[in-house]
Amino acid sequence: MRNYLAVVLRKAGLEVAQAPDGIVAYEMLCGESFDVVLEDLKMPRLDGLGLLRRIKDDFPQTAVVIMTAFSTWESAVEAMRLGAFNYIRKPFDNDEIR
């Protein structure tokens, strides 16, 4: 999914960086500025809500979009309460991401 999404976004003319898990994603944010982070709710080492908390604490200007195939009302409400820009259920249409 991550590689497919990167291809779609690059074809739309966007610059894309990828991370295999939440810890690596956070480390990348510490070294470089990003406008938007697209993240999965379920990730190894640091889940989506944990990464969202860290991003909003340390990089509040960065928009965060959470994607998940494991959507619940509770996780969506919590993500928005923590400052997510959007919460998208998988599968999604490519237009929802662009």
N, C-alpha and C. Protein backbone atom coordinates (compact mmCIF):
# COMPACT_ATOMS: atom_id res chain seq x y z
N MET A 1 0.83 -1.19 0.00
CA MET A 1 0.00 0.00 0.00
C MET A 1 0.88 1.26 0.00
N ARG A 2 1.92 1.26 0.84
CA ARG A 2 2.78 2.45 0.94
C ARG A 2 3.41 2.78 -0.41
N ASN A 3 3.94 1.76 -1.10
CA ASN A 3 4.58 2.00 -2.39
C ASN A 3 3.57 2.46 -3.44
N TYR A 4 2.40 1.87 -3.44
CA TYR A 4 1.35 2.26 -4.38
C TYR A 4 0.97 3.73 -4.17
N LEU A 5 0.79 4.10 -2.92
CA LEU A 5 0.43 5.48 -2.59
C LEU A 5 1.51 6.45 -3.03
N ALA A 6 2.77 6.06 -2.85
CA ALA A 6 3.89 6.91 -3.27
C ALA A 6 3.84 7.15 -4.78
N VAL A 7 3.55 6.12 -5.54
CA VAL A 7 3.46 6.25 -7.00
C VAL A 7 2.33 7.20 -7.38
N VAL A 8 1.17 7.04 -6.77
CA VAL A 8 0.01 7.90 -7.06
C VAL A 8 0.36 9.36 -6.76
N LEU A 9 0.97 9.61 -5.64
CA LEU A 9 1.29 10.99 -5.25
C LEU A 9 2.39 11.59 -6.12
N ARG A 10 3.38 10.79 -6.48
CA ARG A 10 4.43 11.29 -7.38
C ARG A 10 3.84 11.64 -8.75
N LYS A 11 2.93 10.80 -9.24
CA LYS A 11 2.28 11.09 -10.53
C LYS A 11 1.48 12.38 -10.46
N ALA A 12 1.03 12.74 -9.27
CA ALA A 12 0.30 14.00 -9.07
C ALA A 12 1.26 15.18 -8.91
N GLY A 13 2.57 14.91 -9.00
CA GLY A 13 3.56 15.98 -8.93
C GLY A 13 4.05 16.32 -7.54
N LEU A 14 3.80 15.45 -6.59
CA LEU A 14 4.21 15.72 -5.21
C LEU A 14 5.52 15.03 -4.88
N GLU A 15 6.28 15.63 -3.98
CA GLU A 15 7.50 15.02 -3.47
C GLU A 15 7.10 14.08 -2.33
N VAL A 16 7.64 12.87 -2.34
CA VAL A 16 7.21 11.84 -1.39
C VAL A 16 8.42 11.23 -0.69
N ALA A 17 8.30 11.03 0.61
CA ALA A 17 9.26 10.26 1.39
C ALA A 17 8.48 9.15 2.08
N GLN A 18 9.12 8.00 2.29
CA GLN A 18 8.42 6.87 2.89
C GLN A 18 9.17 6.38 4.13
N ALA A 19 8.41 5.87 5.08
CA ALA A 19 8.98 5.29 6.29
C ALA A 19 8.32 3.94 6.55
N PRO A 20 9.08 2.95 7.02
CA PRO A 20 8.52 1.62 7.25
C PRO A 20 7.70 1.49 8.54
N ASP A 21 7.85 2.46 9.45
CA ASP A 21 7.12 2.40 10.71
C ASP A 21 7.04 3.79 11.34
N GLY A 22 6.31 3.88 12.44
CA GLY A 22 6.09 5.17 13.09
C GLY A 22 7.35 5.80 13.67
N ILE A 23 8.26 5.00 14.19
CA ILE A 23 9.50 5.52 14.76
C ILE A 23 10.35 6.16 13.67
N VAL A 24 10.54 5.46 12.57
CA VAL A 24 11.33 6.01 11.46
C VAL A 24 10.67 7.27 10.91
N ALA A 25 9.35 7.26 10.80
CA ALA A 25 8.63 8.45 10.32
C ALA A 25 8.92 9.64 11.23
N TYR A 26 8.86 9.43 12.54
CA TYR A 26 9.13 10.52 13.48
C TYR A 26 10.57 11.00 13.35
N GLU A 27 11.51 10.09 13.21
CA GLU A 27 12.92 10.47 13.03
C GLU A 27 13.10 11.30 11.77
N MET A 28 12.39 10.94 10.70
CA MET A 28 12.47 11.72 9.46
C MET A 28 11.94 13.13 9.68
N LEU A 29 10.86 13.25 10.43
CA LEU A 29 10.28 14.57 10.73
C LEU A 29 11.26 15.43 11.54
N CYS A 30 12.05 14.80 12.37
CA CYS A 30 13.02 15.54 13.18
C CYS A 30 14.16 16.10 12.33
N GLY A 31 14.38 15.51 11.16
CA GLY A 31 15.48 15.95 10.31
C GLY A 31 15.08 16.76 9.11
N GLU A 32 13.80 16.85 8.83
CA GLU A 32 13.34 17.52 7.62
C GLU A 32 11.92 18.02 7.84
N SER A 33 11.56 19.09 7.16
CA SER A 33 10.21 19.65 7.28
C SER A 33 9.27 19.00 6.26
N PHE A 34 8.08 18.63 6.72
CA PHE A 34 7.06 18.05 5.85
C PHE A 34 5.76 18.83 6.01
N ASP A 35 5.07 19.06 4.91
CA ASP A 35 3.78 19.74 4.96
C ASP A 35 2.67 18.82 5.44
N VAL A 36 2.71 17.57 4.96
CA VAL A 36 1.65 16.60 5.25
C VAL A 36 2.27 15.24 5.55
N VAL A 37 1.69 14.55 6.50
CA VAL A 37 2.05 13.17 6.79
C VAL A 37 0.81 12.31 6.56
N LEU A 38 0.95 11.30 5.70
CA LEU A 38 -0.10 10.29 5.51
C LEU A 38 0.37 9.08 6.29
N GLU A 39 -0.42 8.64 7.24
CA GLU A 39 0.01 7.52 8.07
C GLU A 39 -1.12 6.53 8.26
N ASP A 40 -0.72 5.30 8.54
CA ASP A 40 -1.70 4.25 8.82
C ASP A 40 -1.97 4.24 10.32
N LEU A 41 -3.16 3.88 10.69
CA LEU A 41 -3.50 3.75 12.10
C LEU A 41 -2.72 2.61 12.74
N LYS A 42 -2.59 1.50 12.01
CA LYS A 42 -1.87 0.33 12.50
C LYS A 42 -0.48 0.30 11.86
N MET A 43 0.55 0.59 12.66
CA MET A 43 1.93 0.56 12.19
C MET A 43 2.79 -0.13 13.25
N PRO A 44 3.88 -0.75 12.82
CA PRO A 44 4.78 -1.35 13.80
C PRO A 44 5.53 -0.29 14.60
N ARG A 45 5.92 -0.65 15.81
CA ARG A 45 6.77 0.13 16.70
C ARG A 45 6.12 1.38 17.28
N LEU A 46 5.36 2.12 16.53
CA LEU A 46 4.64 3.29 17.02
C LEU A 46 3.38 3.42 16.18
N ASP A 47 2.22 3.26 16.80
CA ASP A 47 0.98 3.27 16.02
C ASP A 47 0.61 4.67 15.56
N GLY A 48 -0.42 4.75 14.74
CA GLY A 48 -0.82 6.01 14.14
C GLY A 48 -1.21 7.09 15.13
N LEU A 49 -1.93 6.73 16.18
CA LEU A 49 -2.32 7.74 17.17
C LEU A 49 -1.11 8.21 17.97
N GLY A 50 -0.18 7.30 18.25
CA GLY A 50 1.05 7.69 18.95
C GLY A 50 1.88 8.64 18.12
N LEU A 51 2.01 8.35 16.83
CA LEU A 51 2.76 9.24 15.94
C LEU A 51 2.04 10.57 15.81
N LEU A 52 0.73 10.55 15.69
CA LEU A 52 -0.05 11.79 15.61
C LEU A 52 0.21 12.67 16.83
N ARG A 53 0.19 12.08 18.02
CA ARG A 53 0.47 12.85 19.25
C ARG A 53 1.84 13.52 19.18
N ARG A 54 2.85 12.75 18.79
CA ARG A 54 4.21 13.31 18.71
C ARG A 54 4.30 14.42 17.68
N ILE A 55 3.68 14.21 16.53
CA ILE A 55 3.73 15.23 15.48
C ILE A 55 3.07 16.51 15.97
N LYS A 56 1.91 16.41 16.56
CA LYS A 56 1.19 17.61 17.00
C LYS A 56 1.90 18.29 18.16
N ASP A 57 2.61 17.54 18.99
CA ASP A 57 3.39 18.15 20.07
C ASP A 57 4.61 18.89 19.54
N ASP A 58 5.31 18.27 18.59
CA ASP A 58 6.60 18.80 18.14
C ASP A 58 6.56 19.55 16.82
N PHE A 59 5.60 19.26 15.97
CA PHE A 59 5.50 19.88 14.64
C PHE A 59 4.05 20.25 14.36
N PRO A 60 3.46 21.14 15.13
CA PRO A 60 2.02 21.41 15.03
C PRO A 60 1.58 21.93 13.67
N GLN A 61 2.49 22.47 12.88
CA GLN A 61 2.13 23.00 11.57
C GLN A 61 1.97 21.89 10.53
N THR A 62 2.41 20.68 10.83
CA THR A 62 2.33 19.57 9.88
C THR A 62 0.94 18.94 9.92
N ALA A 63 0.29 18.88 8.77
CA ALA A 63 -1.03 18.25 8.68
C ALA A 63 -0.85 16.73 8.68
N VAL A 64 -1.73 16.04 9.37
CA VAL A 64 -1.67 14.58 9.46
C VAL A 64 -2.98 13.98 8.97
N VAL A 65 -2.86 13.06 8.02
CA VAL A 65 -4.01 12.32 7.51
C VAL A 65 -3.82 10.86 7.92
N ILE A 66 -4.79 10.31 8.62
CA ILE A 66 -4.73 8.92 9.05
C ILE A 66 -5.58 8.07 8.12
N MET A 67 -5.00 6.96 7.67
CA MET A 67 -5.72 6.00 6.83
C MET A 67 -5.80 4.68 7.60
N THR A 68 -6.91 3.98 7.45
CA THR A 68 -7.02 2.70 8.14
C THR A 68 -8.07 1.80 7.52
N ALA A 69 -7.79 0.51 7.59
CA ALA A 69 -8.77 -0.50 7.22
C ALA A 69 -9.51 -0.97 8.46
N PHE A 70 -9.08 -0.49 9.62
CA PHE A 70 -9.63 -0.91 10.91
C PHE A 70 -10.36 0.25 11.59
N SER A 71 -11.19 0.91 10.83
CA SER A 71 -11.87 2.11 11.31
C SER A 71 -12.92 1.79 12.36
N THR A 72 -12.87 2.56 13.42
CA THR A 72 -13.94 2.53 14.42
C THR A 72 -14.33 3.97 14.69
N TRP A 73 -15.53 4.14 15.17
CA TRP A 73 -15.99 5.48 15.53
C TRP A 73 -15.05 6.08 16.58
N GLU A 74 -14.63 5.27 17.54
CA GLU A 74 -13.78 5.75 18.63
C GLU A 74 -12.42 6.21 18.11
N SER A 75 -11.80 5.43 17.21
CA SER A 75 -10.49 5.83 16.70
C SER A 75 -10.58 7.08 15.83
N ALA A 76 -11.66 7.22 15.08
CA ALA A 76 -11.84 8.42 14.26
C ALA A 76 -12.01 9.65 15.13
N VAL A 77 -12.82 9.55 16.17
CA VAL A 77 -13.03 10.68 17.08
C VAL A 77 -11.73 11.03 17.78
N GLU A 78 -11.00 10.02 18.24
CA GLU A 78 -9.73 10.27 18.93
C GLU A 78 -8.72 10.93 18.00
N ALA A 79 -8.63 10.46 16.76
CA ALA A 79 -7.70 11.06 15.80
C ALA A 79 -8.03 12.53 15.56
N MET A 80 -9.29 12.84 15.39
CA MET A 80 -9.67 14.23 15.14
C MET A 80 -9.46 15.08 16.40
N ARG A 81 -9.71 14.51 17.56
CA ARG A 81 -9.49 15.23 18.82
C ARG A 81 -8.00 15.56 19.00
N LEU A 82 -7.14 14.65 18.55
CA LEU A 82 -5.70 14.86 18.67
C LEU A 82 -5.15 15.80 17.60
N GLY A 83 -5.97 16.16 16.62
CA GLY A 83 -5.53 17.14 15.63
C GLY A 83 -5.32 16.63 14.23
N ALA A 84 -5.80 15.43 13.91
CA ALA A 84 -5.68 14.93 12.54
C ALA A 84 -6.44 15.85 11.59
N PHE A 85 -5.86 16.07 10.43
CA PHE A 85 -6.51 16.87 9.40
C PHE A 85 -7.66 16.10 8.77
N ASN A 86 -7.45 14.78 8.60
CA ASN A 86 -8.48 13.93 8.02
C ASN A 86 -8.26 12.49 8.46
N TYR A 87 -9.31 11.69 8.32
CA TYR A 87 -9.30 10.28 8.70
C TYR A 87 -9.99 9.55 7.56
N ILE A 88 -9.25 8.70 6.86
CA ILE A 88 -9.76 8.06 5.65
C ILE A 88 -9.79 6.55 5.83
N ARG A 89 -10.94 5.97 5.50
CA ARG A 89 -11.09 4.51 5.57
C ARG A 89 -10.58 3.86 4.30
N LYS A 90 -9.86 2.75 4.46
CA LYS A 90 -9.43 1.93 3.32
C LYS A 90 -10.53 0.92 3.04
N PRO A 91 -10.73 0.54 1.80
CA PRO A 91 -10.08 1.09 0.62
C PRO A 91 -10.62 2.48 0.32
N PHE A 92 -9.80 3.26 -0.33
CA PHE A 92 -10.19 4.63 -0.67
C PHE A 92 -9.97 4.87 -2.15
N ASP A 93 -10.59 5.90 -2.65
CA ASP A 93 -10.43 6.33 -4.03
C ASP A 93 -9.18 7.22 -4.08
N ASN A 94 -8.40 7.11 -5.14
CA ASN A 94 -7.19 7.92 -5.27
C ASN A 94 -7.47 9.41 -5.14
N ASP A 95 -8.65 9.85 -5.57
CA ASP A 95 -9.00 11.27 -5.48
C ASP A 95 -9.09 11.74 -4.04
N GLU A 96 -9.39 10.85 -3.11
CA GLU A 96 -9.45 11.23 -1.70
C GLU A 96 -8.07 11.62 -1.17
N ILE A 97 -7.02 11.08 -1.77
CA ILE A 97 -5.66 11.33 -1.31
C ILE A 97 -5.05 12.54 -2.00
N ARG A 98 -5.34 12.73 -3.25
CA ARG A 98 -4.74 13.85 -3.98
C ARG A 98 -5.32 15.12 -3.47
